[in-house]
Amino acid sequence: MKITTRDIAFFMLGIFTIFIIETLVDWEGSKKSFKDGYYKARGIEAIN
C-alpha cells in the first residue's frame, strides 16, 4: 500500500474540517479555552 500526496492532502483537509466544525458548534467553549490558554501562557490570572 502506497501513501500518496493526495491521501495526505485529504487527511489534512479532514482534520481541518473537523477543527472548523467543532469550533463553530462549541464557539463559547472554544473562545473560553483560547483565552484561558493565552492568559496562562502570559502569566495573567484568567478573567471570567
Foldseek 3Di string as FASTA:
>chain_A
DDQDPVNVVVVVVVVVVVVVVVCVVPVVVVVQVVQVVVCVVVVHDDDD
